[in-house]
Amino acid sequence: LDSLSPAPVAAASVGQVYKGYLLDVGEVAIKVQRPGIRRMVEKDAALLRSLASFVESIPSPSSSGRLVNTEVKSAVDEFMSRIFEELDYRNECMN
């Protein structure tokens, strides 16, 4: 890395983006993850999954089924898998 902007040029979903320069490549974007973000996201995921389980457990007042027939836990799991993909900068670097 030959140079790096002193301040971020943009905000990313879980970090900040700086402008860098590599002699053999030219201008590049350098994404820096916010400290502690993975642990925070893990805690959020656990909380969302608990809430989803609760929502799925609420019985319907008018039938023997559930109040919410959607698979809320599955939706939360899918959503969180995408968030964890955002945390994997090595994977993003390959794209």
C-alpha atoms as a PDB file:
ATOM      1  CA  LEU A   1       0.000   0.000   0.000  1.00  0.00           C
ATOM      2  CA  ASP A   2       1.636   3.198  -1.169  1.00  0.00           C
ATOM      3  CA  SER A   3      -0.849   5.690   0.249  1.00  0.00           C
ATOM      4  CA  LEU A   4      -4.044   5.819   2.270  1.00  0.00           C
ATOM      5  CA  SER A   5      -6.504   8.667   2.715  1.00  0.00           C
ATOM      6  CA  PRO A   6      -6.311  10.159   6.222  1.00  0.00           C
ATOM      7  CA  ALA A   7     -10.078  10.005   6.669  1.00  0.00           C
ATOM      8  CA  PRO A   8     -12.724   7.573   5.443  1.00  0.00           C
ATOM      9  CA  VAL A   9     -14.319   8.409   2.107  1.00  0.00           C
ATOM     10  CA  ALA A  10     -17.463   6.339   2.708  1.00  0.00           C
ATOM     11  CA  ALA A  11     -19.261   4.225   5.255  1.00  0.00           C
ATOM     12  CA  ALA A  12     -19.776   0.518   4.585  1.00  0.00           C
ATOM     13  CA  SER A  13     -22.385  -1.671   6.260  1.00  0.00           C
ATOM     14  CA  VAL A  14     -19.993  -2.895   8.954  1.00  0.00           C
ATOM     15  CA  GLY A  15     -17.017  -0.596   8.538  1.00  0.00           C
ATOM     16  CA  GLN A  16     -15.523   2.361   6.775  1.00  0.00           C
ATOM     17  CA  VAL A  17     -13.919   2.747   3.362  1.00  0.00           C
ATOM     18  CA  TYR A  18     -10.624   4.525   2.765  1.00  0.00           C
ATOM     19  CA  LYS A  19      -9.031   5.431  -0.542  1.00  0.00           C
ATOM     20  CA  GLY A  20      -5.702   3.729  -1.133  1.00  0.00           C
ATOM     21  CA  TYR A  21      -3.151   3.564  -3.892  1.00  0.00           C
ATOM     22  CA  LEU A  22      -0.998   0.646  -5.056  1.00  0.00           C
ATOM     23  CA  LEU A  23       1.780   1.351  -7.556  1.00  0.00           C
ATOM     24  CA  ASP A  24       1.091  -1.778  -9.581  1.00  0.00           C
ATOM     25  CA  VAL A  25      -2.731  -1.476  -9.463  1.00  0.00           C
ATOM     26  CA  GLY A  26      -3.705   2.163  -9.008  1.00  0.00           C
ATOM     27  CA  GLU A  27      -6.506   3.422  -6.806  1.00  0.00           C
ATOM     28  CA  VAL A  28      -8.124   0.866  -4.520  1.00  0.00           C
ATOM     29  CA  ALA A  29     -10.807   0.873  -1.843  1.00  0.00           C
ATOM     30  CA  ILE A  30      -9.682  -0.242   1.599  1.00  0.00           C
ATOM     31  CA  LYS A  31     -12.499  -1.441   3.842  1.00  0.00           C
ATOM     32  CA  VAL A  32     -11.795  -1.398   7.568  1.00  0.00           C
ATOM     33  CA  GLN A  33     -14.155  -3.295   9.836  1.00  0.00           C
ATOM     34  CA  ARG A  34     -15.466  -1.613  12.942  1.00  0.00           C
ATOM     35  CA  PRO A  35     -13.777  -3.054  16.053  1.00  0.00           C
ATOM     36  CA  GLY A  36     -15.908  -5.663  17.795  1.00  0.00           C
ATOM     37  CA  ILE A  37     -18.522  -5.771  15.042  1.00  0.00           C
ATOM     38  CA  ARG A  38     -18.491  -9.573  14.657  1.00  0.00           C
ATOM     39  CA  ARG A  39     -19.302 -10.122  18.348  1.00  0.00           C
ATOM     40  CA  MET A  40     -22.026  -7.479  18.199  1.00  0.00           C
ATOM     41  CA  VAL A  41     -23.595  -9.127  15.143  1.00  0.00           C
ATOM     42  CA  GLU A  42     -23.410 -12.545  16.844  1.00  0.00           C
ATOM     43  CA  LYS A  43     -25.310 -11.144  19.837  1.00  0.00           C
ATOM     44  CA  ASP A  44     -27.880  -9.519  17.552  1.00  0.00           C
ATOM     45  CA  ALA A  45     -28.320 -12.801  15.669  1.00  0.00           C
ATOM     46  CA  ALA A  46     -28.960 -14.700  18.902  1.00  0.00           C
ATOM     47  CA  LEU A  47     -31.490 -12.095  20.021  1.00  0.00           C
ATOM     48  CA  LEU A  48     -33.305 -12.097  16.672  1.00  0.00           C
ATOM     49  CA  ARG A  49     -33.434 -15.906  16.659  1.00  0.00           C
ATOM     50  CA  SER A  50     -34.909 -15.900  20.195  1.00  0.00           C
ATOM     51  CA  LEU A  51     -37.540 -13.378  19.145  1.00  0.00           C
ATOM     52  CA  ALA A  52     -38.322 -15.433  16.046  1.00  0.00           C
ATOM     53  CA  SER A  53     -38.801 -18.546  18.187  1.00  0.00           C
ATOM     54  CA  PHE A  54     -41.140 -16.631  20.460  1.00  0.00           C
ATOM     55  CA  VAL A  55     -43.174 -15.290  17.535  1.00  0.00           C
ATOM     56  CA  GLU A  56     -43.455 -18.784  16.064  1.00  0.00           C
ATOM     57  CA  SER A  57     -44.696 -20.133  19.410  1.00  0.00           C
ATOM     58  CA  ILE A  58     -47.690 -17.781  19.685  1.00  0.00           C
ATOM     59  CA  PRO A  59     -50.854 -19.810  19.135  1.00  0.00           C
ATOM     60  CA  SER A  60     -53.636 -18.586  16.906  1.00  0.00           C
ATOM     61  CA  PRO A  61     -56.649 -17.438  18.936  1.00  0.00           C
ATOM     62  CA  SER A  62     -59.047 -18.761  16.288  1.00  0.00           C
ATOM     63  CA  SER A  63     -57.508 -22.141  15.375  1.00  0.00           C
ATOM     64  CA  SER A  64     -55.179 -24.835  16.622  1.00  0.00           C
ATOM     65  CA  GLY A  65     -52.297 -23.484  14.518  1.00  0.00           C
ATOM     66  CA  ARG A  66     -49.855 -20.669  15.036  1.00  0.00           C
ATOM     67  CA  LEU A  67     -50.687 -16.980  14.879  1.00  0.00           C
ATOM     68  CA  VAL A  68     -47.841 -16.457  12.391  1.00  0.00           C
ATOM     69  CA  ASN A  69     -47.550 -19.242   9.835  1.00  0.00           C
ATOM     70  CA  THR A  70     -44.323 -17.917   8.338  1.00  0.00           C
ATOM     71  CA  GLU A  71     -41.078 -19.676   9.193  1.00  0.00           C
ATOM     72  CA  VAL A  72     -39.664 -16.675  11.031  1.00  0.00           C
ATOM     73  CA  LYS A  73     -36.564 -18.486  12.337  1.00  0.00           C
ATOM     74  CA  SER A  74     -35.667 -19.554   8.802  1.00  0.00           C
ATOM     75  CA  ALA A  75     -36.039 -15.978   7.588  1.00  0.00           C
ATOM     76  CA  VAL A  76     -33.815 -14.714  10.415  1.00  0.00           C
ATOM     77  CA  ASP A  77     -31.213 -17.401   9.673  1.00  0.00           C
ATOM     78  CA  GLU A  78     -31.137 -16.468   5.990  1.00  0.00           C
ATOM     79  CA  PHE A  79     -30.885 -12.758   6.786  1.00  0.00           C
ATOM     80  CA  MET A  80     -28.089 -13.302   9.296  1.00  0.00           C
ATOM     81  CA  SER A  81     -26.155 -15.532   6.905  1.00  0.00           C
ATOM     82  CA  ARG A  82     -26.041 -12.583   4.487  1.00  0.00           C
ATOM     83  CA  ILE A  83     -24.858 -10.268   7.266  1.00  0.00           C
ATOM     84  CA  PHE A  84     -22.071 -12.709   8.185  1.00  0.00           C
ATOM     85  CA  GLU A  85     -21.078 -12.796   4.516  1.00  0.00           C
ATOM     86  CA  GLU A  86     -20.684  -9.008   4.721  1.00  0.00           C
ATOM     87  CA  LEU A  87     -18.267  -9.531   7.621  1.00  0.00           C
ATOM     88  CA  ASP A  88     -16.027 -11.808   5.553  1.00  0.00           C
ATOM     89  CA  TYR A  89     -13.827  -9.311   3.754  1.00  0.00           C
ATOM     90  CA  ARG A  90     -11.581 -12.109   2.411  1.00  0.00           C
ATOM     91  CA  ASN A  91     -14.556 -13.605   0.589  1.00  0.00           C
ATOM     92  CA  GLU A  92     -15.542 -10.181  -0.752  1.00  0.00           C
ATOM     93  CA  CYS A  93     -11.992  -9.611  -1.957  1.00  0.00           C
ATOM     94  CA  MET A  94     -12.337 -12.645  -4.238  1.00  0.00           C
ATOM     95  CA  ASN A  95     -15.402 -11.106  -5.968  1.00  0.00           C
END
